[in-house]
C-alpha atoms as a PDB file:
ATOM      1  CA  UNK A   1    -272.097-134.581  -0.268  1.00  0.00           C
ATOM      2  CA  UNK A   2    -271.360-133.106   3.025  1.00  0.00           C
ATOM      3  CA  UNK A   3    -268.253-133.517   4.435  1.00  0.00           C
ATOM      4  CA  UNK A   4    -267.591-132.635   8.073  1.00  0.00           C
ATOM      5  CA  UNK A   5    -264.296-130.306   9.325  1.00  0.00           C
ATOM      6  CA  UNK A   6    -262.947-133.914  10.595  1.00  0.00           C
ATOM      7  CA  UNK A   7    -263.035-135.420   6.631  1.00  0.00           C
ATOM      8  CA  UNK A   8    -261.682-132.260   5.531  1.00  0.00           C
ATOM      9  CA  UNK A   9    -258.316-132.508   8.074  1.00  0.00           C
ATOM     10  CA  UNK A  10    -257.973-136.104   7.016  1.00  0.00           C
ATOM     11  CA  UNK A  11    -257.650-134.707   3.448  1.00  0.00           C
ATOM     12  CA  UNK A  12    -255.397-132.291   3.798  1.00  0.00           C
ATOM     13  CA  UNK A  13    -253.094-134.607   5.758  1.00  0.00           C
ATOM     14  CA  UNK A  14    -253.541-137.502   3.003  1.00  0.00           C
ATOM     15  CA  UNK A  15    -252.433-134.685  -0.001  1.00  0.00           C
ATOM     16  CA  UNK A  16    -249.615-133.440   2.300  1.00  0.00           C
ATOM     17  CA  UNK A  17    -248.345-137.248   3.336  1.00  0.00           C
ATOM     18  CA  UNK A  18    -248.795-138.292  -1.080  1.00  0.00           C
ATOM     19  CA  UNK A  19    -246.773-134.766  -1.841  1.00  0.00           C
ATOM     20  CA  UNK A  20    -244.200-135.447   0.134  1.00  0.00           C
ATOM     21  CA  UNK A  21    -242.346-138.454  -1.735  1.00  0.00           C
ATOM     22  CA  UNK A  22    -243.212-136.193  -4.719  1.00  0.00           C
ATOM     23  CA  UNK A  23    -241.097-133.400  -3.588  1.00  0.00           C
ATOM     24  CA  UNK A  24    -237.971-135.560  -2.450  1.00  0.00           C
ATOM     25  CA  UNK A  25    -237.808-137.852  -5.709  1.00  0.00           C
ATOM     26  CA  UNK A  26    -238.385-134.598  -7.994  1.00  0.00           C
ATOM     27  CA  UNK A  27    -235.084-133.292  -7.384  1.00  0.00           C
ATOM     28  CA  UNK A  28    -233.714-135.904  -9.477  1.00  0.00           C
ATOM     29  CA  UNK A  29    -230.979-139.080  -8.506  1.00  0.00           C
ATOM     30  CA  UNK A  30    -229.352-137.037  -5.968  1.00  0.00           C
ATOM     31  CA  UNK A  31    -232.668-136.865  -4.352  1.00  0.00           C
ATOM     32  CA  UNK A  32    -233.198-140.373  -4.342  1.00  0.00           C
ATOM     33  CA  UNK A  33    -230.526-141.345  -3.391  1.00  0.00           C
ATOM     34  CA  UNK A  34    -230.498-139.052  -0.265  1.00  0.00           C
ATOM     35  CA  UNK A  35    -233.879-139.362   0.832  1.00  0.00           C
ATOM     36  CA  UNK A  36    -232.592-138.415   4.890  1.00  0.00           C
ATOM     37  CA  UNK A  37    -231.068-135.212   3.379  1.00  0.00           C
ATOM     38  CA  UNK A  38    -234.748-134.182   3.296  1.00  0.00           C
ATOM     39  CA  UNK A  39    -235.914-134.877   6.587  1.00  0.00           C
ATOM     40  CA  UNK A  40    -236.335-131.867   8.958  1.00  0.00           C
ATOM     41  CA  UNK A  41    -234.206-131.661  12.087  1.00  0.00           C
ATOM     42  CA  UNK A  42    -235.252-130.749  14.914  1.00  0.00           C
ATOM     43  CA  UNK A  43    -232.771-129.263  18.269  1.00  0.00           C
ATOM     44  CA  UNK A  44    -234.074-127.730  21.902  1.00  0.00           C
ATOM     45  CA  UNK A  45    -231.922-125.690  23.962  1.00  0.00           C
ATOM     46  CA  UNK A  46    -233.017-125.115  27.571  1.00  0.00           C
ATOM     47  CA  UNK A  47    -230.896-123.298  30.371  1.00  0.00           C
ATOM     48  CA  UNK A  48    -232.304-122.706  33.709  1.00  0.00           C
ATOM     49  CA  UNK A  49    -230.371-120.709  36.712  1.00  0.00           C
ATOM     50  CA  UNK A  50    -230.581-119.523  40.174  1.00  0.00           C
ATOM     51  CA  UNK A  51    -229.213-116.576  40.858  1.00  0.00           C
ATOM     52  CA  UNK A  52    -228.081-114.794  44.648  1.00  0.00           C
ATOM     53  CA  UNK A  53    -227.147-111.281  44.419  1.00  0.00           C
ATOM     54  CA  UNK A  54    -224.059-111.317  46.725  1.00  0.00           C
ATOM     55  CA  UNK A  55    -224.939-107.105  46.954  1.00  0.00           C
ATOM     56  CA  UNK A  56    -228.303-107.057  48.366  1.00  0.00           C
ATOM     57  CA  UNK A  57    -229.627-110.624  48.573  1.00  0.00           C
ATOM     58  CA  UNK A  58    -232.162-111.115  46.237  1.00  0.00           C
ATOM     59  CA  UNK A  59    -232.082-114.019  44.669  1.00  0.00           C
ATOM     60  CA  UNK A  60    -234.829-115.314  41.444  1.00  0.00           C
ATOM     61  CA  UNK A  61    -235.182-118.546  39.380  1.00  0.00           C
ATOM     62  CA  UNK A  62    -235.233-118.059  35.770  1.00  0.00           C
ATOM     63  CA  UNK A  63    -235.581-120.108  32.243  1.00  0.00           C
ATOM     64  CA  UNK A  64    -232.758-117.864  30.132  1.00  0.00           C
ATOM     65  CA  UNK A  65    -233.759-120.172  27.253  1.00  0.00           C
ATOM     66  CA  UNK A  66    -235.868-122.650  25.583  1.00  0.00           C
ATOM     67  CA  UNK A  67    -235.380-122.630  21.898  1.00  0.00           C
ATOM     68  CA  UNK A  68    -236.606-125.039  18.838  1.00  0.00           C
ATOM     69  CA  UNK A  69    -234.945-124.874  15.716  1.00  0.00           C
ATOM     70  CA  UNK A  70    -235.919-126.726  12.821  1.00  0.00           C
ATOM     71  CA  UNK A  71    -234.661-126.638   9.539  1.00  0.00           C
ATOM     72  CA  UNK A  72    -233.461-129.059   6.557  1.00  0.00           C
ATOM     73  CA  UNK A  73    -233.327-129.249   2.823  1.00  0.00           C
ATOM     74  CA  UNK A  74    -236.293-128.919   0.561  1.00  0.00           C
ATOM     75  CA  UNK A  75    -234.350-129.286  -2.972  1.00  0.00           C
ATOM     76  CA  UNK A  76    -230.924-130.130  -3.243  1.00  0.00           C
ATOM     77  CA  UNK A  77    -229.334-126.943  -2.905  1.00  0.00           C
ATOM     78  CA  UNK A  78    -231.789-124.713  -0.823  1.00  0.00           C
ATOM     79  CA  UNK A  79    -232.542-125.454   3.102  1.00  0.00           C
ATOM     80  CA  UNK A  80    -234.053-123.349   5.755  1.00  0.00           C
ATOM     81  CA  UNK A  81    -234.051-122.157   9.248  1.00  0.00           C
ATOM     82  CA  UNK A  82    -236.766-121.515  11.697  1.00  0.00           C
ATOM     83  CA  UNK A  83    -235.661-120.586  15.453  1.00  0.00           C
ATOM     84  CA  UNK A  84    -237.852-119.666  17.682  1.00  0.00           C
ATOM     85  CA  UNK A  85    -237.654-119.032  21.799  1.00  0.00           C
ATOM     86  CA  UNK A  86    -240.382-120.057  23.821  1.00  0.00           C
ATOM     87  CA  UNK A  87    -238.894-118.723  27.283  1.00  0.00           C
ATOM     88  CA  UNK A  88    -235.870-115.625  26.997  1.00  0.00           C
ATOM     89  CA  UNK A  89    -236.532-114.611  29.857  1.00  0.00           C
ATOM     90  CA  UNK A  90    -240.195-115.251  30.243  1.00  0.00           C
ATOM     91  CA  UNK A  91    -241.211-113.643  26.400  1.00  0.00           C
ATOM     92  CA  UNK A  92    -241.148-115.684  23.024  1.00  0.00           C
ATOM     93  CA  UNK A  93    -239.154-114.293  20.282  1.00  0.00           C
ATOM     94  CA  UNK A  94    -238.741-115.173  16.689  1.00  0.00           C
ATOM     95  CA  UNK A  95    -234.755-115.174  16.216  1.00  0.00           C
ATOM     96  CA  UNK A  96    -234.055-116.814  12.934  1.00  0.00           C
ATOM     97  CA  UNK A  97    -236.174-117.309  10.026  1.00  0.00           C
ATOM     98  CA  UNK A  98    -234.307-117.684   6.995  1.00  0.00           C
ATOM     99  CA  UNK A  99    -233.590-119.234   3.432  1.00  0.00           C
ATOM    100  CA  UNK A 100    -230.415-120.665   2.350  1.00  0.00           C
ATOM    101  CA  UNK A 101    -228.955-121.352  -1.421  1.00  0.00           C
ATOM    102  CA  UNK A 102    -225.688-123.250  -2.033  1.00  0.00           C
ATOM    103  CA  UNK A 103    -224.948-122.874  -6.041  1.00  0.00           C
ATOM    104  CA  UNK A 104    -221.764-123.565  -5.787  1.00  0.00           C
ATOM    105  CA  UNK A 105    -218.806-125.857  -2.953  1.00  0.00           C
ATOM    106  CA  UNK A 106    -218.763-123.293  -0.056  1.00  0.00           C
ATOM    107  CA  UNK A 107    -220.912-120.484  -1.473  1.00  0.00           C
ATOM    108  CA  UNK A 108    -224.327-119.848   0.045  1.00  0.00           C
ATOM    109  CA  UNK A 109    -226.736-116.961  -0.121  1.00  0.00           C
ATOM    110  CA  UNK A 110    -229.047-116.099   2.685  1.00  0.00           C
ATOM    111  CA  UNK A 111    -232.418-113.969   2.848  1.00  0.00           C
ATOM    112  CA  UNK A 112    -234.502-113.906   6.194  1.00  0.00           C
ATOM    113  CA  UNK A 113    -234.289-112.772   9.582  1.00  0.00           C
ATOM    114  CA  UNK A 114    -230.540-113.658  10.681  1.00  0.00           C
ATOM    115  CA  UNK A 115    -227.724-112.550  13.032  1.00  0.00           C
ATOM    116  CA  UNK A 116    -225.753-109.887  11.239  1.00  0.00           C
ATOM    117  CA  UNK A 117    -222.137-110.991  10.261  1.00  0.00           C
ATOM    118  CA  UNK A 118    -219.785-109.603  13.873  1.00  0.00           C
ATOM    119  CA  UNK A 119    -218.712-110.444  17.356  1.00  0.00           C
ATOM    120  CA  UNK A 120    -217.290-114.248  17.689  1.00  0.00           C
ATOM    121  CA  UNK A 121    -218.816-114.383  21.522  1.00  0.00           C
ATOM    122  CA  UNK A 122    -222.064-113.140  19.852  1.00  0.00           C
ATOM    123  CA  UNK A 123    -222.044-115.969  17.340  1.00  0.00           C
ATOM    124  CA  UNK A 124    -221.904-118.380  19.884  1.00  0.00           C
ATOM    125  CA  UNK A 125    -225.382-120.499  20.404  1.00  0.00           C
ATOM    126  CA  UNK A 126    -226.778-120.603  23.756  1.00  0.00           C
ATOM    127  CA  UNK A 127    -225.915-124.147  24.135  1.00  0.00           C
ATOM    128  CA  UNK A 128    -222.080-123.186  23.640  1.00  0.00           C
ATOM    129  CA  UNK A 129    -221.964-120.779  26.218  1.00  0.00           C
ATOM    130  CA  UNK A 130    -218.429-121.135  28.256  1.00  0.00           C
ATOM    131  CA  UNK A 131    -220.263-119.136  31.285  1.00  0.00           C
ATOM    132  CA  UNK A 132    -223.806-118.812  32.976  1.00  0.00           C
ATOM    133  CA  UNK A 133    -223.967-115.349  31.081  1.00  0.00           C
ATOM    134  CA  UNK A 134    -222.992-113.996  27.761  1.00  0.00           C
ATOM    135  CA  UNK A 135    -219.806-111.672  27.493  1.00  0.00           C
ATOM    136  CA  UNK A 136    -220.152-107.830  27.698  1.00  0.00           C
ATOM    137  CA  UNK A 137    -218.497-107.715  24.179  1.00  0.00           C
ATOM    138  CA  UNK A 138    -222.048-108.819  23.172  1.00  0.00           C
ATOM    139  CA  UNK A 139    -223.453-105.466  24.266  1.00  0.00           C
ATOM    140  CA  UNK A 140    -221.833-103.589  21.189  1.00  0.00           C
ATOM    141  CA  UNK A 141    -221.629-106.581  18.869  1.00  0.00           C
ATOM    142  CA  UNK A 142    -225.235-108.378  19.504  1.00  0.00           C
ATOM    143  CA  UNK A 143    -227.588-107.419  16.790  1.00  0.00           C
ATOM    144  CA  UNK A 144    -230.206-109.577  14.732  1.00  0.00           C
ATOM    145  CA  UNK A 145    -232.003-107.887  11.418  1.00  0.00           C
ATOM    146  CA  UNK A 146    -233.851-108.797   8.400  1.00  0.00           C
ATOM    147  CA  UNK A 147    -231.532-108.694   5.023  1.00  0.00           C
ATOM    148  CA  UNK A 148    -229.593-111.161   2.692  1.00  0.00           C
ATOM    149  CA  UNK A 149    -226.108-111.905   3.100  1.00  0.00           C
ATOM    150  CA  UNK A 150    -223.473-114.375   1.610  1.00  0.00           C
ATOM    151  CA  UNK A 151    -220.980-116.695   3.012  1.00  0.00           C
ATOM    152  CA  UNK A 152    -218.040-118.474   1.551  1.00  0.00           C
ATOM    153  CA  UNK A 153    -215.711-120.888   2.533  1.00  0.00           C
ATOM    154  CA  UNK A 154    -212.338-121.395   0.370  1.00  0.00           C
ATOM    155  CA  UNK A 155    -212.733-125.252  -0.474  1.00  0.00           C
ATOM    156  CA  UNK A 156    -209.340-126.754   0.894  1.00  0.00           C
ATOM    157  CA  UNK A 157    -208.346-123.954   3.356  1.00  0.00           C
ATOM    158  CA  UNK A 158    -209.534-122.451   6.657  1.00  0.00           C
ATOM    159  CA  UNK A 159    -210.319-119.303   5.540  1.00  0.00           C
ATOM    160  CA  UNK A 160    -214.106-118.086   5.708  1.00  0.00           C
ATOM    161  CA  UNK A 161    -215.656-115.070   4.895  1.00  0.00           C
ATOM    162  CA  UNK A 162    -219.003-113.855   5.142  1.00  0.00           C
ATOM    163  CA  UNK A 163    -220.891-110.543   4.452  1.00  0.00           C
ATOM    164  CA  UNK A 164    -224.802-108.801   4.582  1.00  0.00           C
ATOM    165  CA  UNK A 165    -226.900-105.748   3.913  1.00  0.00           C
ATOM    166  CA  UNK A 166    -230.395-105.658   6.742  1.00  0.00           C
ATOM    167  CA  UNK A 167    -232.906-103.143   7.738  1.00  0.00           C
ATOM    168  CA  UNK A 168    -231.623-100.688  10.345  1.00  0.00           C
ATOM    169  CA  UNK A 169    -234.878-101.038  12.322  1.00  0.00           C
ATOM    170  CA  UNK A 170    -235.529-103.639  15.687  1.00  0.00           C
ATOM    171  CA  UNK A 171    -235.690-107.923  14.145  1.00  0.00           C
ATOM    172  CA  UNK A 172    -239.367-107.819  14.975  1.00  0.00           C
ATOM    173  CA  UNK A 173    -240.401-104.662  13.230  1.00  0.00           C
ATOM    174  CA  UNK A 174    -240.454-105.945   9.166  1.00  0.00           C
ATOM    175  CA  UNK A 175    -242.562-103.355   7.715  1.00  0.00           C
ATOM    176  CA  UNK A 176    -240.838-100.040   8.764  1.00  0.00           C
ATOM    177  CA  UNK A 177    -238.920 -98.805   5.488  1.00  0.00           C
ATOM    178  CA  UNK A 178    -235.291 -97.736   6.239  1.00  0.00           C
ATOM    179  CA  UNK A 179    -233.852 -94.695   6.103  1.00  0.00           C
ATOM    180  CA  UNK A 180    -230.283 -96.115   6.244  1.00  0.00           C
ATOM    181  CA  UNK A 181    -229.105 -99.495   6.204  1.00  0.00           C
ATOM    182  CA  UNK A 182    -227.056-102.255   8.457  1.00  0.00           C
ATOM    183  CA  UNK A 183    -223.964-103.570   7.353  1.00  0.00           C
ATOM    184  CA  UNK A 184    -221.842-106.780   8.279  1.00  0.00           C
ATOM    185  CA  UNK A 185    -219.174-108.507   7.449  1.00  0.00           C
ATOM    186  CA  UNK A 186    -216.646-111.256   8.918  1.00  0.00           C
ATOM    187  CA  UNK A 187    -213.573-113.344   7.911  1.00  0.00           C
ATOM    188  CA  UNK A 188    -211.596-115.801  10.240  1.00  0.00           C
ATOM    189  CA  UNK A 189    -208.588-118.381   9.081  1.00  0.00           C
ATOM    190  CA  UNK A 190    -208.719-121.446  11.055  1.00  0.00           C
ATOM    191  CA  UNK A 191    -205.371-123.233  11.429  1.00  0.00           C
ATOM    192  CA  UNK A 192    -204.399-126.062  13.837  1.00  0.00           C
ATOM    193  CA  UNK A 193    -205.859-124.896  16.887  1.00  0.00           C
ATOM    194  CA  UNK A 194    -205.554-120.870  16.208  1.00  0.00           C
ATOM    195  CA  UNK A 195    -207.975-118.827  15.141  1.00  0.00           C
ATOM    196  CA  UNK A 196    -208.257-115.491  14.256  1.00  0.00           C
ATOM    197  CA  UNK A 197    -210.834-113.020  13.461  1.00  0.00           C
ATOM    198  CA  UNK A 198    -211.420-110.092  12.061  1.00  0.00           C
ATOM    199  CA  UNK A 199    -215.214-108.063  11.558  1.00  0.00           C
ATOM    200  CA  UNK A 200    -216.851-104.504  10.688  1.00  0.00           C
ATOM    201  CA  UNK A 201    -220.342-103.424  11.379  1.00  0.00           C
ATOM    202  CA  UNK A 202    -221.720-100.223  10.339  1.00  0.00           C
ATOM    203  CA  UNK A 203    -225.806 -98.915  11.238  1.00  0.00           C
ATOM    204  CA  UNK A 204    -227.596 -96.650  12.372  1.00  0.00           C
ATOM    205  CA  UNK A 205    -230.097 -97.326  15.121  1.00  0.00           C
ATOM    206  CA  UNK A 206    -233.248 -96.773  14.078  1.00  0.00           C
ATOM    207  CA  UNK A 207    -232.820 -95.001  10.803  1.00  0.00           C
ATOM    208  CA  UNK A 208    -231.786 -91.245  10.004  1.00  0.00           C
ATOM    209  CA  UNK A 209    -232.950 -88.686  12.384  1.00  0.00           C
ATOM    210  CA  UNK A 210    -233.418 -91.159  15.077  1.00  0.00           C
ATOM    211  CA  UNK A 211    -230.314 -92.757  15.656  1.00  0.00           C
ATOM    212  CA  UNK A 212    -226.174 -91.671  14.304  1.00  0.00           C
ATOM    213  CA  UNK A 213    -224.002 -93.898  12.519  1.00  0.00           C
ATOM    214  CA  UNK A 214    -222.233 -96.218  14.230  1.00  0.00           C
ATOM    215  CA  UNK A 215    -219.272 -97.720  12.542  1.00  0.00           C
ATOM    216  CA  UNK A 216    -217.498-100.986  14.831  1.00  0.00           C
ATOM    217  CA  UNK A 217    -214.511-103.055  14.158  1.00  0.00           C
ATOM    218  CA  UNK A 218    -213.815-106.255  15.956  1.00  0.00           C
ATOM    219  CA  UNK A 219    -210.895-108.502  16.075  1.00  0.00           C
ATOM    220  CA  UNK A 220    -210.280-111.804  18.298  1.00  0.00           C
ATOM    221  CA  UNK A 221    -207.896-114.737  18.531  1.00  0.00           C
ATOM    222  CA  UNK A 222    -208.452-118.337  19.907  1.00  0.00           C
ATOM    223  CA  UNK A 223    -206.500-121.125  20.504  1.00  0.00           C
ATOM    224  CA  UNK A 224    -207.414-124.300  21.688  1.00  0.00           C
ATOM    225  CA  UNK A 225    -204.904-127.108  22.280  1.00  0.00           C
ATOM    226  CA  UNK A 226    -205.974-130.513  24.109  1.00  0.00           C
ATOM    227  CA  UNK A 227    -208.493-129.467  26.713  1.00  0.00           C
ATOM    228  CA  UNK A 228    -207.483-125.743  26.954  1.00  0.00           C
ATOM    229  CA  UNK A 229    -209.145-122.779  25.269  1.00  0.00           C
ATOM    230  CA  UNK A 230    -208.194-119.863  25.309  1.00  0.00           C
ATOM    231  CA  UNK A 231    -209.790-116.518  24.021  1.00  0.00           C
ATOM    232  CA  UNK A 232    -209.267-112.665  23.454  1.00  0.00           C
ATOM    233  CA  UNK A 233    -212.165-110.576  21.766  1.00  0.00           C
ATOM    234  CA  UNK A 234    -211.500-106.848  21.150  1.00  0.00           C
ATOM    235  CA  UNK A 235    -214.094-104.464  19.919  1.00  0.00           C
ATOM    236  CA  UNK A 236    -214.073-100.543  18.844  1.00  0.00           C
ATOM    237  CA  UNK A 237    -216.874 -98.345  18.765  1.00  0.00           C
ATOM    238  CA  UNK A 238    -217.191 -95.067  16.623  1.00  0.00           C
ATOM    239  CA  UNK A 239    -219.939 -92.509  17.037  1.00  0.00           C
ATOM    240  CA  UNK A 240    -220.980 -90.313  13.792  1.00  0.00           C
ATOM    241  CA  UNK A 241    -222.260 -88.050  16.339  1.00  0.00           C
ATOM    242  CA  UNK A 242    -221.688 -86.143  19.864  1.00  0.00           C
ATOM    243  CA  UNK A 243    -220.151 -88.771  21.808  1.00  0.00           C
ATOM    244  CA  UNK A 244    -216.532 -90.595  23.130  1.00  0.00           C
ATOM    245  CA  UNK A 245    -215.886 -93.770  21.252  1.00  0.00           C
ATOM    246  CA  UNK A 246    -216.722 -96.814  23.506  1.00  0.00           C
ATOM    247  CA  UNK A 247    -214.803-100.449  23.649  1.00  0.00           C
ATOM    248  CA  UNK A 248    -215.334-103.803  25.208  1.00  0.00           C
ATOM    249  CA  UNK A 249    -213.023-106.570  25.580  1.00  0.00           C
ATOM    250  CA  UNK A 250    -213.006-110.186  27.072  1.00  0.00           C
ATOM    251  CA  UNK A 251    -210.350-112.565  27.440  1.00  0.00           C
ATOM    252  CA  UNK A 252    -211.437-116.114  28.751  1.00  0.00           C
ATOM    253  CA  UNK A 253    -209.492-119.758  29.432  1.00  0.00           C
ATOM    254  CA  UNK A 254    -211.205-122.690  30.022  1.00  0.00           C
ATOM    255  CA  UNK A 255    -209.333-125.984  30.829  1.00  0.00           C
ATOM    256  CA  UNK A 256    -211.658-129.522  30.402  1.00  0.00           C
ATOM    257  CA  UNK A 257    -210.752-132.886  31.162  1.00  0.00           C
ATOM    258  CA  UNK A 258    -212.826-136.294  30.966  1.00  0.00           C
ATOM    259  CA  UNK A 259    -214.122-138.162  33.832  1.00  0.00           C
ATOM    260  CA  UNK A 260    -216.096-141.442  34.799  1.00  0.00           C
ATOM    261  CA  UNK A 261    -219.074-140.323  36.831  1.00  0.00           C
ATOM    262  CA  UNK A 262    -222.546-141.685  36.958  1.00  0.00           C
ATOM    263  CA  UNK A 263    -223.716-137.795  36.477  1.00  0.00           C
ATOM    264  CA  UNK A 264    -220.992-136.547  33.942  1.00  0.00           C
ATOM    265  CA  UNK A 265    -218.229-137.607  32.004  1.00  0.00           C
ATOM    266  CA  UNK A 266    -216.364-134.007  31.276  1.00  0.00           C
ATOM    267  CA  UNK A 267    -215.370-131.566  34.065  1.00  0.00           C
ATOM    268  CA  UNK A 268    -213.732-128.062  33.375  1.00  0.00           C
ATOM    269  CA  UNK A 269    -213.241-124.834  34.834  1.00  0.00           C
ATOM    270  CA  UNK A 270    -213.286-121.531  33.252  1.00  0.00           C
ATOM    271  CA  UNK A 271    -212.458-118.024  33.850  1.00  0.00           C
ATOM    272  CA  UNK A 272    -212.983-114.512  32.481  1.00  0.00           C
ATOM    273  CA  UNK A 273    -212.391-110.819  32.104  1.00  0.00           C
ATOM    274  CA  UNK A 274    -213.722-108.326  30.837  1.00  0.00           C
ATOM    275  CA  UNK A 275    -214.309-104.689  30.403  1.00  0.00           C
ATOM    276  CA  UNK A 276    -216.927-102.441  28.730  1.00  0.00           C
ATOM    277  CA  UNK A 277    -216.804 -98.222  28.453  1.00  0.00           C
ATOM    278  CA  UNK A 278    -219.667 -95.743  28.774  1.00  0.00           C
ATOM    279  CA  UNK A 279    -221.921 -96.430  25.342  1.00  0.00           C
ATOM    280  CA  UNK A 280    -225.065 -95.209  23.803  1.00  0.00           C
ATOM    281  CA  UNK A 281    -227.327 -97.419  21.606  1.00  0.00           C
ATOM    282  CA  UNK A 282    -227.338 -94.695  19.455  1.00  0.00           C
ATOM    283  CA  UNK A 283    -230.666 -92.949  19.438  1.00  0.00           C
ATOM    284  CA  UNK A 284    -231.028 -89.037  19.913  1.00  0.00           C
ATOM    285  CA  UNK A 285    -233.081 -88.051  23.022  1.00  0.00           C
ATOM    286  CA  UNK A 286    -234.191 -84.314  22.894  1.00  0.00           C
ATOM    287  CA  UNK A 287    -231.491 -84.140  20.187  1.00  0.00           C
ATOM    288  CA  UNK A 288    -228.811 -85.824  22.255  1.00  0.00           C
ATOM    289  CA  UNK A 289    -227.207 -89.196  22.554  1.00  0.00           C
ATOM    290  CA  UNK A 290    -227.468 -90.401  25.836  1.00  0.00           C
ATOM    291  CA  UNK A 291    -224.914 -92.877  28.168  1.00  0.00           C
ATOM    292  CA  UNK A 292    -227.665 -95.405  28.746  1.00  0.00           C
ATOM    293  CA  UNK A 293    -224.777 -97.951  28.645  1.00  0.00           C
ATOM    294  CA  UNK A 294    -222.982 -97.907  32.315  1.00  0.00           C
ATOM    295  CA  UNK A 295    -219.249 -98.748  32.122  1.00  0.00           C
ATOM    296  CA  UNK A 296    -218.258-101.357  34.089  1.00  0.00           C
ATOM    297  CA  UNK A 297    -215.362-104.405  34.174  1.00  0.00           C
ATOM    298  CA  UNK A 298    -216.195-108.033  35.541  1.00  0.00           C
ATOM    299  CA  UNK A 299    -214.398-111.248  36.583  1.00  0.00           C
ATOM    300  CA  UNK A 300    -216.036-115.239  36.256  1.00  0.00           C
ATOM    301  CA  UNK A 301    -214.705-117.881  37.937  1.00  0.00           C
ATOM    302  CA  UNK A 302    -216.803-120.818  37.232  1.00  0.00           C
ATOM    303  CA  UNK A 303    -216.864-125.053  36.806  1.00  0.00           C
ATOM    304  CA  UNK A 304    -219.236-126.494  34.247  1.00  0.00           C
ATOM    305  CA  UNK A 305    -219.605-131.035  34.678  1.00  0.00           C
ATOM    306  CA  UNK A 306    -221.223-132.218  31.271  1.00  0.00           C
ATOM    307  CA  UNK A 307    -223.198-135.139  30.240  1.00  0.00           C
ATOM    308  CA  UNK A 308    -221.931-135.851  26.599  1.00  0.00           C
ATOM    309  CA  UNK A 309    -224.061-138.109  24.407  1.00  0.00           C
ATOM    310  CA  UNK A 310    -223.620-138.210  21.179  1.00  0.00           C
ATOM    311  CA  UNK A 311    -225.132-134.472  20.193  1.00  0.00           C
ATOM    312  CA  UNK A 312    -226.764-133.549  22.907  1.00  0.00           C
ATOM    313  CA  UNK A 313    -225.220-133.364  26.021  1.00  0.00           C
ATOM    314  CA  UNK A 314    -226.461-131.817  29.728  1.00  0.00           C
ATOM    315  CA  UNK A 315    -224.932-129.010  31.573  1.00  0.00           C
ATOM    316  CA  UNK A 316    -224.227-128.086  35.419  1.00  0.00           C
ATOM    317  CA  UNK A 317    -222.750-124.776  36.148  1.00  0.00           C
ATOM    318  CA  UNK A 318    -221.656-122.739  38.938  1.00  0.00           C
ATOM    319  CA  UNK A 319    -220.479-119.838  38.441  1.00  0.00           C
ATOM    320  CA  UNK A 320    -219.511-116.120  40.708  1.00  0.00           C
ATOM    321  CA  UNK A 321    -219.270-113.007  39.040  1.00  0.00           C
ATOM    322  CA  UNK A 322    -217.949-109.967  40.569  1.00  0.00           C
ATOM    323  CA  UNK A 323    -218.308-106.421  39.122  1.00  0.00           C
ATOM    324  CA  UNK A 324    -216.470-103.499  39.398  1.00  0.00           C
ATOM    325  CA  UNK A 325    -217.941 -99.814  38.964  1.00  0.00           C
ATOM    326  CA  UNK A 326    -216.171 -96.446  39.500  1.00  0.00           C
ATOM    327  CA  UNK A 327    -217.960 -94.371  42.352  1.00  0.00           C
ATOM    328  CA  UNK A 328    -219.776 -91.976  40.121  1.00  0.00           C
ATOM    329  CA  UNK A 329    -222.049 -94.800  38.300  1.00  0.00           C
ATOM    330  CA  UNK A 330    -225.059 -94.998  40.931  1.00  0.00           C
ATOM    331  CA  UNK A 331    -228.101 -96.743  39.119  1.00  0.00           C
ATOM    332  CA  UNK A 332    -226.801-100.187  38.456  1.00  0.00           C
ATOM    333  CA  UNK A 333    -229.332-102.943  38.692  1.00  0.00           C
ATOM    334  CA  UNK A 334    -228.889-105.950  40.179  1.00  0.00           C
ATOM    335  CA  UNK A 335    -228.881-107.871  36.805  1.00  0.00           C
ATOM    336  CA  UNK A 336    -225.379-106.391  36.339  1.00  0.00           C
ATOM    337  CA  UNK A 337    -223.981-106.355  39.590  1.00  0.00           C
ATOM    338  CA  UNK A 338    -221.775-108.714  41.510  1.00  0.00           C
ATOM    339  CA  UNK A 339    -224.123-112.456  42.160  1.00  0.00           C
ATOM    340  CA  UNK A 340    -223.508-116.363  42.413  1.00  0.00           C
ATOM    341  CA  UNK A 341    -225.149-118.423  39.478  1.00  0.00           C
ATOM    342  CA  UNK A 342    -226.112-122.520  39.667  1.00  0.00           C
ATOM    343  CA  UNK A 343    -227.375-123.456  36.031  1.00  0.00           C
ATOM    344  CA  UNK A 344    -228.774-126.238  34.000  1.00  0.00           C
ATOM    345  CA  UNK A 345    -228.433-126.401  30.581  1.00  0.00           C
ATOM    346  CA  UNK A 346    -229.885-129.099  28.272  1.00  0.00           C
ATOM    347  CA  UNK A 347    -228.988-129.581  24.284  1.00  0.00           C
ATOM    348  CA  UNK A 348    -230.573-132.077  22.400  1.00  0.00           C
END
């Protein structure tokens, strides 16, 4: 008997369809009573901006993010997450690809590619950003890599902890052997609207011989009351090499209130002041750690209109960013200078 490609494809789809309920019900009574738990969940985030440089007069349109994520359970205590950004400023990036096991209430173990636990601002998903641009503290605190981590939320309390071990190489490089590993831990406590958090991260960018070990501490405190939200975050970075310590900080405030408009049901105003001292990525160039991260301060003010509908929302954002540099800094890109930003953000 001769089988063409169409016949083979139909056969594969039929087997997959028949196998699905077998996998679902193989989990026992728990799976049988909660079939929806095994249906994958899909989410997406789109962020599109118009930016106008107030220093040069140049402008540009940009798709900053076009993220899609898929995740769900395959066994009663085993789930997964796959997240890809199909347009991160025009580039495709695999962000998250991990499996997670939940052996006990509040306890979880992860394996795969994920965010290293450190820095509050870096932990936020793009659809949850308060401003169009992410905070300057993420210059020191934003990192994804491949490894393992564990998390524990103490039942009946607001205490949460997580920590892990990861590759020192870039997240897109899974083949290189590591001469040094990356470590990250953090803990926070939620009591009413108050949430303090501390974190520590240690890494050698690229591994021994390529970079020096960088040790970082992060502290933050946020407070939410009604429509008010206030947050402060500080990162201290120490280099185990010939370079002075670096610091980054951020203080922001946001106030939101309900509206009854055709295009929005929530409005907010926000302001943020932040700073970053001279820093390096931590990799040697001719035996020297170059100062490749400019010191700067930034003041951002803006407003947001939001249309909430269940878990989905659509935002209209207008921000103005005023940068401040010392007179000895000359190699300033338009991306890191004063500008007006108008954006649209969609999450589903």
